[in-house]
């Protein structure tokens, strides 16, 4: 069987991949930002150095003064040499006079080969900006120097008593690569920070993955206990709302399974008890008949008891089969219109001898205008017979029973009352359970304990309701089913 990754592993791998991607992106962005910041800082430093050259040039306005003044010329060359040594850029000093522009001082070149370059259109445009007092920064301004050359320039001014005049420009041409920080210089620091962030991210990923997978493992362990038949465990999760809902669903399932297991055990115990009593009775009477200990006048009585007990067993088995079919959905009612009043009359006639035997006072209040009922008449007759049989059985000697039919909206109602002992309040919620008897002794011959359970399921299959109430010595059973036209 293919082995799948655990939830912890999947979460950890996913979160780690996210962290690793974030660290890589952060590193790339950091390098880019640092390079831009470093380039801006270099350019600011270069402009500051060029302003220093411009300040020296302010000592003289005419270019021939620079050439004639060896001290000033040497000072400028030393300044330019130091700038070149640090930034590896070429400096041009341009002076404007009445005849146009001239390159008057530069480094590592001659005095004449730049004359054509400074008259190009783009260069002239930048010179115009410098004349207006602006500093410039352009990439690829002079193609002959290369497209990767950055040109920085500041005005060369001459101050008079009344004004400040731009008389030239100080330019520096430097390669772009010389302005940016070398990646190899940043790599150790970037790797160190990235490793620290990645380590922290992996730890957090493991923590989050463990916190999210721990409730799942707990649920898995508890469900495994359920599979072994131990329903005493419950899930306690206080994390995300989704996991709390899942835990609540598992706990409800455990309650249902526990109740189902309890019902199953009670069912097995009750069936065993109900089968054992008549079987032991049959066995005892048959032994008496077999070994001849029964007197001749008792043989007929013993055979009658054996037949009665076998009939009781047959009824028990039939009731169990009926419940099983209804629970499995194998039984489907045959719906048809029928007269509920007529059904009640026939059922009442069947119990009339017992009513007279116990001296019970009957009362029938049947609605003569009762609408036609709609359902499986054979099955509903079983419900009516069961309710009347119970009413007669549990009514006191010389007591009272009443039967009433009526209509209410889209339903018709049958109510059966009898006096006698009040059903305890704690027993009423279980009155329709299988094998449940208020008489916990399960006295032989007092029914199978399945009649009301069957009655409830039959009524529910007819989209109806059945209820029980008992107070002040009066027990009432009521069921409602839809009338014909509402189905």
Protein backbone atom coordinates (compact mmCIF):
# COMPACT_ATOMS: atom_id res chain seq x y z
CA UNK A 1 0.00 0.00 0.00
CA UNK A 2 1.29 3.42 -0.93
CA UNK A 3 2.48 5.35 2.08
CA UNK A 4 1.07 8.86 2.32
CA UNK A 5 2.58 11.81 4.11
CA UNK A 6 1.14 12.73 7.47
CA UNK A 7 -0.72 15.99 7.97
CA UNK A 8 2.22 17.31 10.00
CA UNK A 9 4.62 16.51 7.15
CA UNK A 10 2.41 18.12 4.52
CA UNK A 11 1.89 21.25 6.61
CA UNK A 12 5.58 21.48 7.49
CA UNK A 13 6.69 21.04 3.88
CA UNK A 14 4.14 23.58 2.64
CA UNK A 15 4.96 26.18 5.28
CA UNK A 16 8.71 25.60 4.83
CA UNK A 17 8.35 26.11 1.08
CA UNK A 18 6.49 29.36 1.73
CA UNK A 19 9.17 30.50 4.18
CA UNK A 20 11.99 29.55 1.78
CA UNK A 21 10.30 31.40 -1.09
CA UNK A 22 9.78 34.43 1.13
CA UNK A 23 13.44 34.37 2.21
CA UNK A 24 14.64 34.14 -1.39
CA UNK A 25 12.37 37.00 -2.47
CA UNK A 26 13.45 39.03 0.54
CA UNK A 27 17.11 38.40 -0.31
CA UNK A 28 16.62 39.47 -3.93
CA UNK A 29 14.71 42.58 -2.90
CA UNK A 30 17.28 43.38 -0.22
CA UNK A 31 20.18 43.12 -2.69
CA UNK A 32 18.32 45.30 -5.17
CA UNK A 33 17.49 47.92 -2.54
CA UNK A 34 21.01 47.91 -1.15
CA UNK A 35 22.49 48.32 -4.63
CA UNK A 36 20.17 51.24 -5.39
CA UNK A 37 20.90 52.83 -2.04
CA UNK A 38 24.62 52.33 -2.48
CA UNK A 39 24.55 53.75 -5.99
CA UNK A 40 22.61 56.78 -4.77
CA UNK A 41 25.14 57.24 -1.95
CA UNK A 42 28.08 56.96 -4.40
CA UNK A 43 26.49 59.46 -6.74
CA UNK A 44 25.89 61.87 -3.86
CA UNK A 45 29.54 61.52 -2.82
CA UNK A 46 30.73 62.11 -6.40
CA UNK A 47 28.56 65.20 -6.74
CA UNK A 48 30.03 66.47 -3.46
CA UNK A 49 33.55 65.91 -4.83
CA UNK A 50 32.65 67.68 -8.07
CA UNK A 51 31.34 70.62 -6.08
CA UNK A 52 34.73 70.70 -4.37
CA UNK A 53 36.44 70.94 -7.77
CA UNK A 54 33.96 73.65 -8.75
CA UNK A 55 34.83 75.58 -5.59
CA UNK A 56 38.53 75.47 -6.48
CA UNK A 57 37.75 76.61 -10.02
CA UNK A 58 35.91 79.62 -8.63
CA UNK A 59 39.31 81.05 -7.67
CA UNK A 60 39.78 81.99 -11.29
CA UNK A 61 37.37 82.78 -14.06
CA UNK A 62 39.68 82.57 -17.10
CA UNK A 63 41.03 79.27 -18.20
CA UNK A 64 44.48 80.61 -18.97
CA UNK A 65 44.76 81.54 -15.29
CA UNK A 66 44.55 77.87 -14.43
CA UNK A 67 47.24 76.96 -16.89
CA UNK A 68 49.49 79.78 -15.79
CA UNK A 69 48.91 79.25 -12.07
CA UNK A 70 50.90 76.11 -11.41
CA UNK A 71 49.82 75.92 -7.79
CA UNK A 72 46.14 76.11 -8.62
CA UNK A 73 46.57 73.70 -11.52
CA UNK A 74 48.42 71.23 -9.34
CA UNK A 75 45.75 71.50 -6.67
CA UNK A 76 43.00 70.76 -9.17
CA UNK A 77 44.91 67.82 -10.65
CA UNK A 78 45.55 66.37 -7.20
CA UNK A 79 41.87 66.70 -6.37
CA UNK A 80 40.87 65.05 -9.63
CA UNK A 81 43.44 62.29 -9.15
CA UNK A 82 42.08 61.47 -5.70
CA UNK A 83 38.56 61.36 -7.12
CA UNK A 84 39.69 59.07 -9.91
CA UNK A 85 41.54 56.79 -7.50
CA UNK A 86 38.41 56.36 -5.40
CA UNK A 87 35.69 56.27 -8.05
CA UNK A 88 37.68 55.38 -11.20
CA UNK A 89 35.94 58.03 -13.26
CA UNK A 90 37.15 60.55 -15.84
CA UNK A 91 36.63 64.25 -15.06
CA UNK A 92 36.05 66.96 -17.64
CA UNK A 93 36.10 70.64 -16.84
CA UNK A 94 34.23 72.68 -19.45
CA UNK A 95 34.44 76.44 -19.74
CA UNK A 96 32.07 78.59 -21.78
CA UNK A 97 33.43 81.67 -23.41
CA UNK A 98 32.47 83.91 -26.29
CA UNK A 99 33.58 81.31 -28.85
CA UNK A 100 31.61 78.35 -27.31
CA UNK A 101 32.74 75.45 -25.16
CA UNK A 102 36.17 74.05 -24.51
CA UNK A 103 37.37 71.15 -22.40
CA UNK A 104 39.92 72.87 -20.29
CA UNK A 105 41.01 70.18 -17.89
CA UNK A 106 40.48 66.42 -17.72
CA UNK A 107 42.22 63.27 -16.63
CA UNK A 108 43.83 60.49 -18.68
CA UNK A 109 43.18 62.07 -22.10
CA UNK A 110 44.43 64.80 -24.37
CA UNK A 111 43.08 68.34 -24.78
CA UNK A 112 41.51 68.08 -28.19
CA UNK A 113 39.71 64.77 -28.85
CA UNK A 114 36.64 65.71 -26.83
CA UNK A 115 35.82 68.87 -28.79
CA UNK A 116 33.36 67.07 -31.08
CA UNK A 117 31.71 65.12 -28.24
CA UNK A 118 30.63 68.15 -26.26
CA UNK A 119 28.77 69.63 -29.25
CA UNK A 120 26.38 66.71 -29.66
CA UNK A 121 22.68 67.57 -29.27
CA UNK A 122 22.07 65.60 -26.07
CA UNK A 123 25.21 66.98 -24.48
CA UNK A 124 24.28 70.54 -25.43
CA UNK A 125 20.85 70.03 -23.86
CA UNK A 126 22.44 68.96 -20.57
CA UNK A 127 24.83 71.91 -20.73
CA UNK A 128 21.81 74.20 -21.03
CA UNK A 129 20.44 72.68 -17.84
CA UNK A 130 23.74 73.25 -16.08
CA UNK A 131 23.77 76.90 -17.27
CA UNK A 132 20.47 77.26 -15.41
CA UNK A 133 22.15 76.08 -12.23
CA UNK A 134 20.98 72.42 -12.26
CA UNK A 135 23.06 69.38 -11.46
CA UNK A 136 22.74 66.49 -13.93
CA UNK A 137 22.83 62.72 -13.83
CA UNK A 138 22.51 60.85 -17.14
CA UNK A 139 23.34 57.32 -18.30
CA UNK A 140 24.78 56.88 -21.82
CA UNK A 141 24.91 60.62 -22.44
CA UNK A 142 28.03 60.27 -24.58
CA UNK A 143 27.75 57.00 -26.61
CA UNK A 144 31.45 57.04 -27.55
CA UNK A 145 32.26 56.50 -23.89
CA UNK A 146 29.79 53.59 -23.61
CA UNK A 147 26.13 53.09 -22.82
CA UNK A 148 26.96 51.91 -19.31
CA UNK A 149 28.67 55.20 -18.43
CA UNK A 150 26.92 57.49 -15.95
CA UNK A 151 27.67 61.19 -16.40
CA UNK A 152 27.37 63.44 -13.35
CA UNK A 153 27.75 67.18 -13.61
CA UNK A 154 27.66 70.34 -11.48
CA UNK A 155 27.83 74.03 -12.46
CA UNK A 156 31.14 75.94 -12.32
CA UNK A 157 30.17 79.38 -11.09
CA UNK A 158 31.84 82.74 -10.89
CA UNK A 159 30.65 85.12 -8.20
CA UNK A 160 30.54 88.84 -8.70
CA UNK A 161 29.51 91.49 -6.24
CA UNK A 162 25.99 91.50 -7.61
CA UNK A 163 25.39 88.05 -9.06
CA UNK A 164 26.60 84.50 -9.55
CA UNK A 165 27.34 83.49 -13.12
CA UNK A 166 27.68 79.92 -14.45
CA UNK A 167 30.86 79.95 -16.50
CA UNK A 168 31.33 76.22 -17.00
CA UNK A 169 30.69 72.70 -15.81
CA UNK A 170 32.52 69.96 -13.96
CA UNK A 171 31.60 66.52 -15.36
CA UNK A 172 32.56 63.05 -14.28
CA UNK A 173 32.06 59.87 -16.33
CA UNK A 174 31.97 56.66 -14.31
CA UNK A 175 30.91 53.09 -15.11
CA UNK A 176 27.63 51.92 -13.62
CA UNK A 177 29.31 48.85 -12.12
CA UNK A 178 31.69 51.11 -10.18
CA UNK A 179 28.70 52.83 -8.57
CA UNK A 180 26.99 49.65 -7.37
CA UNK A 181 28.05 47.50 -4.49
CA UNK A 182 29.69 44.22 -5.40
CA UNK A 183 27.38 41.25 -4.77
CA UNK A 184 30.25 39.26 -3.31
CA UNK A 185 30.58 41.94 -0.62
CA UNK A 186 26.91 41.60 0.33
CA UNK A 187 26.66 37.82 0.02
CA UNK A 188 28.04 36.87 3.48
CA UNK A 189 25.73 39.29 5.29
CA UNK A 190 22.73 38.33 3.13
CA UNK A 191 23.38 34.61 3.67
CA UNK A 192 23.74 35.10 7.41
CA UNK A 193 20.48 37.01 7.71
CA UNK A 194 18.72 34.61 5.32
CA UNK A 195 19.87 31.59 7.33
CA UNK A 196 18.68 33.17 10.58
CA UNK A 197 15.30 34.07 9.09
CA UNK A 198 15.00 30.64 7.45
CA UNK A 199 15.82 28.88 10.72
CA UNK A 200 13.26 30.94 12.59
CA UNK A 201 10.72 30.29 9.83
CA UNK A 202 11.32 26.53 9.96
CA UNK A 203 10.88 26.51 13.72
CA UNK A 204 7.63 28.47 13.41
CA UNK A 205 6.50 26.17 10.58
CA UNK A 206 7.11 23.11 12.73
CA UNK A 207 5.27 24.74 15.64
CA UNK A 208 2.26 25.68 13.51
CA UNK A 209 2.19 22.28 11.78
CA UNK A 210 2.36 20.50 15.12
CA UNK A 211 -0.38 22.66 16.65
CA UNK A 212 -2.65 22.00 13.66
CA UNK A 213 -1.93 18.28 13.42
CA UNK A 214 -2.12 17.53 17.15
CA UNK A 215 -5.96 17.78 17.29
CA UNK A 216 -6.19 15.56 14.19
CA UNK A 217 -3.96 12.95 15.84
CA UNK A 218 -6.08 13.16 18.97
CA UNK A 219 -9.24 12.64 16.91
CA UNK A 220 -7.61 9.74 15.06
CA UNK A 221 -6.67 8.08 18.35
CA UNK A 222 -10.15 8.54 19.81
CA UNK A 223 -11.86 7.26 16.66
CA UNK A 224 -9.59 4.20 16.84
CA UNK A 225 -10.89 3.65 20.39
CA UNK A 226 -14.43 3.90 19.01
CA UNK A 227 -13.56 1.19 16.49
CA UNK A 228 -12.48 -1.05 19.38
CA UNK A 229 -15.83 -0.48 21.07
CA UNK A 230 -14.68 2.03 23.71
CA UNK A 231 -16.99 5.04 23.47
CA UNK A 232 -15.97 6.66 26.75
CA UNK A 233 -13.46 9.08 25.21
CA UNK A 234 -14.26 12.58 23.97
CA UNK A 235 -12.35 15.08 21.84
CA UNK A 236 -11.32 18.33 23.52
CA UNK A 237 -10.08 20.80 20.90
CA UNK A 238 -9.72 24.54 21.44
CA UNK A 239 -8.08 25.68 18.21
CA UNK A 240 -9.70 26.76 14.95
CA UNK A 241 -13.46 26.97 14.54
CA UNK A 242 -13.43 24.26 11.85
CA UNK A 243 -11.60 21.76 14.07
CA UNK A 244 -13.89 22.61 16.98
CA UNK A 245 -16.91 21.87 14.78
CA UNK A 246 -15.32 18.59 13.69
CA UNK A 247 -14.57 17.69 17.31
CA UNK A 248 -18.15 18.50 18.28
CA UNK A 249 -19.43 16.28 15.46
CA UNK A 250 -17.17 13.42 16.61
CA UNK A 251 -18.37 13.83 20.20
CA UNK A 252 -21.99 13.76 19.07
CA UNK A 253 -21.22 10.67 17.01
CA UNK A 254 -19.65 9.09 20.10
CA UNK A 255 -22.78 9.85 22.11
CA UNK A 256 -24.95 8.30 19.41
CA UNK A 257 -22.69 5.26 19.13
CA UNK A 258 -22.64 4.86 22.89
CA UNK A 259 -26.43 5.07 23.03
CA UNK A 260 -26.67 2.67 20.11
CA UNK A 261 -24.32 0.22 21.79
CA UNK A 262 -26.31 0.47 25.01
CA UNK A 263 -29.52 -0.10 23.09
CA UNK A 264 -27.96 -3.05 21.29
CA UNK A 265 -26.89 -4.67 24.53
CA UNK A 266 -30.27 -4.02 26.10
CA UNK A 267 -31.92 -5.39 22.98
CA UNK A 268 -29.88 -8.59 23.12
CA UNK A 269 -30.57 -8.95 26.85
CA UNK A 270 -34.29 -8.29 26.40
CA UNK A 271 -34.63 -10.66 23.45
CA UNK A 272 -32.77 -13.31 25.40
CA UNK A 273 -35.08 -12.78 28.37
CA UNK A 274 -38.23 -12.78 26.26
CA UNK A 275 -37.16 -15.96 24.47
CA UNK A 276 -35.88 -17.74 27.54
CA UNK A 277 -39.06 -17.43 29.61
CA UNK A 278 -41.45 -19.13 27.15
CA UNK A 279 -38.79 -21.64 26.08
CA UNK A 280 -38.15 -22.69 29.67
CA UNK A 281 -41.90 -22.90 30.24
CA UNK A 282 -42.35 -25.03 27.12
CA UNK A 283 -39.38 -27.20 28.08
CA UNK A 284 -40.76 -27.81 31.57
CA UNK A 285 -44.23 -28.79 30.40
CA UNK A 286 -42.86 -31.00 27.63
CA UNK A 287 -40.59 -32.81 30.12
CA UNK A 288 -43.62 -33.40 32.34
CA UNK A 289 -45.52 -34.80 29.39
CA UNK A 290 -42.54 -36.89 28.28
CA UNK A 291 -41.68 -38.56 31.59
CA UNK A 292 -45.35 -39.16 32.48
CA UNK A 293 -45.36 -37.11 35.67
CA UNK A 294 -48.33 -35.08 34.37
CA UNK A 295 -51.71 -36.41 35.38
CA UNK A 296 -54.11 -37.28 32.55
CA UNK A 297 -56.36 -34.38 33.44
CA UNK A 298 -53.33 -32.03 33.32
CA UNK A 299 -52.07 -33.10 29.91
CA UNK A 300 -54.64 -31.02 28.02
CA UNK A 301 -53.86 -27.98 30.18
CA UNK A 302 -50.11 -28.42 29.66
CA UNK A 303 -50.55 -28.71 25.89
CA UNK A 304 -52.66 -25.54 25.88
CA UNK A 305 -49.91 -23.70 27.77
CA UNK A 306 -47.27 -24.99 25.34
CA UNK A 307 -49.36 -23.85 22.37
CA UNK A 308 -49.90 -20.45 24.02
CA UNK A 309 -46.17 -20.02 24.63
CA UNK A 310 -45.28 -21.01 21.06
CA UNK A 311 -47.83 -18.49 19.81
CA UNK A 312 -46.18 -15.88 22.02
CA UNK A 313 -42.78 -16.80 20.58
CA UNK A 314 -44.18 -16.61 17.07
CA UNK A 315 -45.62 -13.16 17.79
CA UNK A 316 -42.30 -12.01 19.23
CA UNK A 317 -40.41 -13.20 16.16
CA UNK A 318 -42.97 -11.63 13.82
CA UNK A 319 -42.77 -8.33 15.71
CA UNK A 320 -38.98 -8.36 15.51
CA UNK A 321 -39.11 -9.09 11.79
CA UNK A 322 -41.64 -6.28 11.29
CA UNK A 323 -39.41 -3.80 13.15
CA UNK A 324 -36.39 -4.93 11.18
CA UNK A 325 -38.20 -4.45 7.87
CA UNK A 326 -39.42 -0.99 8.86
CA UNK A 327 -35.97 0.07 10.10
CA UNK A 328 -34.31 -1.15 6.90
CA UNK A 329 -36.91 0.48 4.64
CA UNK A 330 -37.95 -2.88 3.18
CA UNK A 331 -41.56 -2.28 4.24
CA UNK A 332 -43.44 0.46 2.38
CA UNK A 333 -47.04 1.29 3.36
CA UNK A 334 -49.82 0.74 0.82
CA UNK A 335 -51.60 4.09 0.99
CA UNK A 336 -55.33 4.18 0.32
CA UNK A 337 -58.36 6.07 1.70
CA UNK A 338 -60.11 4.44 4.68
CA UNK A 339 -62.64 5.22 7.42
CA UNK A 340 -60.94 5.63 10.79
CA UNK A 341 -64.24 5.57 12.69
CA UNK A 342 -65.12 2.17 11.23
CA UNK A 343 -61.66 0.88 12.08
CA UNK A 344 -62.09 2.01 15.72
CA UNK A 345 -65.53 0.37 15.96
CA UNK A 346 -64.19 -2.98 14.74
CA UNK A 347 -61.23 -2.81 17.10
CA UNK A 348 -63.53 -1.91 19.98
CA UNK A 349 -65.71 -4.94 19.26
CA UNK A 350 -62.66 -7.22 19.42
CA UNK A 351 -61.83 -6.12 23.00
CA UNK A 352 -65.44 -5.89 24.18
CA UNK A 353 -65.41 -9.30 25.94
CA UNK A 354 -62.41 -8.26 28.02
CA UNK A 355 -64.03 -4.92 28.78
CA UNK A 356 -67.09 -6.67 30.11
CA UNK A 357 -64.96 -9.17 32.03
CA UNK A 358 -63.19 -6.36 33.94
CA UNK A 359 -66.36 -4.34 34.39
CA UNK A 360 -64.87 -1.37 32.53
CA UNK A 361 -67.11 1.53 31.60
CA UNK A 362 -66.36 2.39 27.91
CA UNK A 363 -66.96 5.76 26.27
CA UNK A 364 -66.76 6.31 22.51
CA UNK A 365 -66.87 9.82 21.04
CA UNK A 366 -66.46 9.44 17.30
CA UNK A 367 -66.74 12.50 15.05
CA UNK A 368 -69.43 11.57 12.53
CA UNK A 369 -68.08 14.23 10.15
CA UNK A 370 -64.54 12.90 10.37
CA UNK A 371 -62.71 13.29 7.02
CA UNK A 372 -61.45 10.21 5.23
CA UNK A 373 -58.04 9.06 6.40
CA UNK A 374 -55.24 8.12 4.00
CA UNK A 375 -52.79 5.35 4.78
CA UNK A 376 -52.15 1.64 5.07
CA UNK A 377 -55.34 0.44 6.79
CA UNK A 378 -53.88 -2.94 7.79
CA UNK A 379 -50.88 -1.37 9.52
CA UNK A 380 -52.87 1.40 11.20
CA UNK A 381 -55.38 -1.21 12.42
CA UNK A 382 -52.44 -2.77 14.24
CA UNK A 383 -51.79 0.58 15.96
CA UNK A 384 -55.44 1.02 16.98
CA UNK A 385 -55.65 -2.55 18.28
CA UNK A 386 -52.45 -2.08 20.29
CA UNK A 387 -53.65 1.14 21.93
CA UNK A 388 -57.06 -0.33 22.80
CA UNK A 389 -55.49 -3.56 24.04
CA UNK A 390 -53.14 -1.61 26.34
CA UNK A 391 -55.99 0.58 27.58
CA UNK A 392 -58.05 -2.47 28.57
CA UNK A 393 -55.02 -4.26 30.00
CA UNK A 394 -53.90 -1.43 32.27
CA UNK A 395 -57.31 -0.01 33.21
CA UNK A 396 -58.34 -0.79 36.76
CA UNK A 397 -61.17 -3.14 37.67
CA UNK A 398 -64.48 -1.38 37.07
CA UNK A 399 -62.47 1.46 35.60
CA UNK A 400 -63.00 3.64 32.56
CA UNK A 401 -61.65 3.88 29.05
CA UNK A 402 -62.56 6.37 26.34
CA UNK A 403 -61.92 6.58 22.62
CA UNK A 404 -62.24 9.84 20.68
CA UNK A 405 -61.73 10.78 17.04
CA UNK A 406 -61.55 14.34 15.71
CA UNK A 407 -60.12 16.44 12.89
CA UNK A 408 -57.56 19.21 13.27
CA UNK A 409 -56.51 21.11 10.17
CA UNK A 410 -54.92 18.68 7.73
CA UNK A 411 -54.81 15.79 10.21
CA UNK A 412 -57.23 13.46 11.97
CA UNK A 413 -56.65 12.41 15.56
CA UNK A 414 -57.34 9.32 17.67
CA UNK A 415 -57.19 9.65 21.46
CA UNK A 416 -57.35 6.64 23.81
CA UNK A 417 -57.67 7.23 27.59
CA UNK A 418 -57.72 4.78 30.47
CA UNK A 419 -57.63 5.15 34.22
CA UNK A 420 -55.32 3.13 36.39
CA UNK A 421 -51.79 3.55 37.68
CA UNK A 422 -49.94 6.65 36.52
CA UNK A 423 -46.87 5.95 34.38
CA UNK A 424 -43.85 7.44 36.19
CA UNK A 425 -42.56 10.62 34.59
CA UNK A 426 -39.09 9.14 34.09
CA UNK A 427 -40.59 6.24 32.10
CA UNK A 428 -42.62 8.33 29.64
CA UNK A 429 -39.66 9.32 27.38
CA UNK A 430 -38.87 5.60 26.92
CA UNK A 431 -42.41 4.32 26.53
CA UNK A 432 -41.90 3.75 22.77
CA UNK A 433 -38.50 2.03 23.16
CA UNK A 434 -38.18 -1.62 22.23
CA UNK A 435 -38.81 -4.04 25.09
CA UNK A 436 -39.36 -1.14 27.47
CA UNK A 437 -41.86 -1.99 30.17
CA UNK A 438 -42.95 0.08 33.10
CA UNK A 439 -43.15 -3.25 34.92
CA UNK A 440 -39.44 -4.06 35.13
CA UNK A 441 -40.19 -7.65 36.09
CA UNK A 442 -41.12 -8.51 32.49
CA UNK A 443 -43.87 -10.77 33.73
CA UNK A 444 -44.51 -13.67 31.42
CA UNK A 445 -47.64 -13.42 29.40
CA UNK A 446 -47.79 -9.63 29.61
CA UNK A 447 -46.70 -8.93 26.00
CA UNK A 448 -43.41 -8.64 24.16
CA UNK A 449 -42.69 -4.98 24.84
CA UNK A 450 -42.57 -4.26 21.10
CA UNK A 451 -46.15 -3.13 20.46
CA UNK A 452 -45.65 0.59 21.09
CA UNK A 453 -42.30 0.60 19.26
CA UNK A 454 -44.02 -0.90 16.21
CA UNK A 455 -46.94 1.52 16.57
CA UNK A 456 -44.59 4.51 16.62
CA UNK A 457 -42.77 3.43 13.47
CA UNK A 458 -46.02 2.75 11.61
CA UNK A 459 -47.33 6.22 12.49
CA UNK A 460 -44.02 7.83 11.50
CA UNK A 461 -44.17 6.07 8.13
CA UNK A 462 -47.54 7.79 7.65
CA UNK A 463 -45.94 11.19 8.36
CA UNK A 464 -47.82 11.34 11.61
CA UNK A 465 -47.05 11.66 15.32
CA UNK A 466 -47.86 9.58 18.39
CA UNK A 467 -47.55 10.79 21.98
CA UNK A 468 -48.15 9.50 25.50
CA UNK A 469 -49.18 11.38 28.64
CA UNK A 470 -49.94 10.09 32.12
CA UNK A 471 -50.99 12.12 35.14
CA UNK A 472 -53.43 11.91 38.03
CA UNK A 473 -54.20 8.27 37.26
CA UNK A 474 -55.21 8.96 33.63
CA UNK A 475 -53.03 7.68 30.77
CA UNK A 476 -53.59 9.11 27.30
CA UNK A 477 -52.21 7.94 23.96
CA UNK A 478 -52.83 10.09 20.89
CA UNK A 479 -51.79 9.73 17.28
CA UNK A 480 -52.38 11.96 14.27
CA UNK A 481 -52.19 11.10 10.57
CA UNK A 482 -52.90 13.24 7.50
CA UNK A 483 -56.36 13.31 5.95
CA UNK A 484 -56.82 12.09 2.40
CA UNK A 485 -56.50 15.34 0.44
CA UNK A 486 -53.39 16.55 2.30
CA UNK A 487 -51.20 13.63 1.18
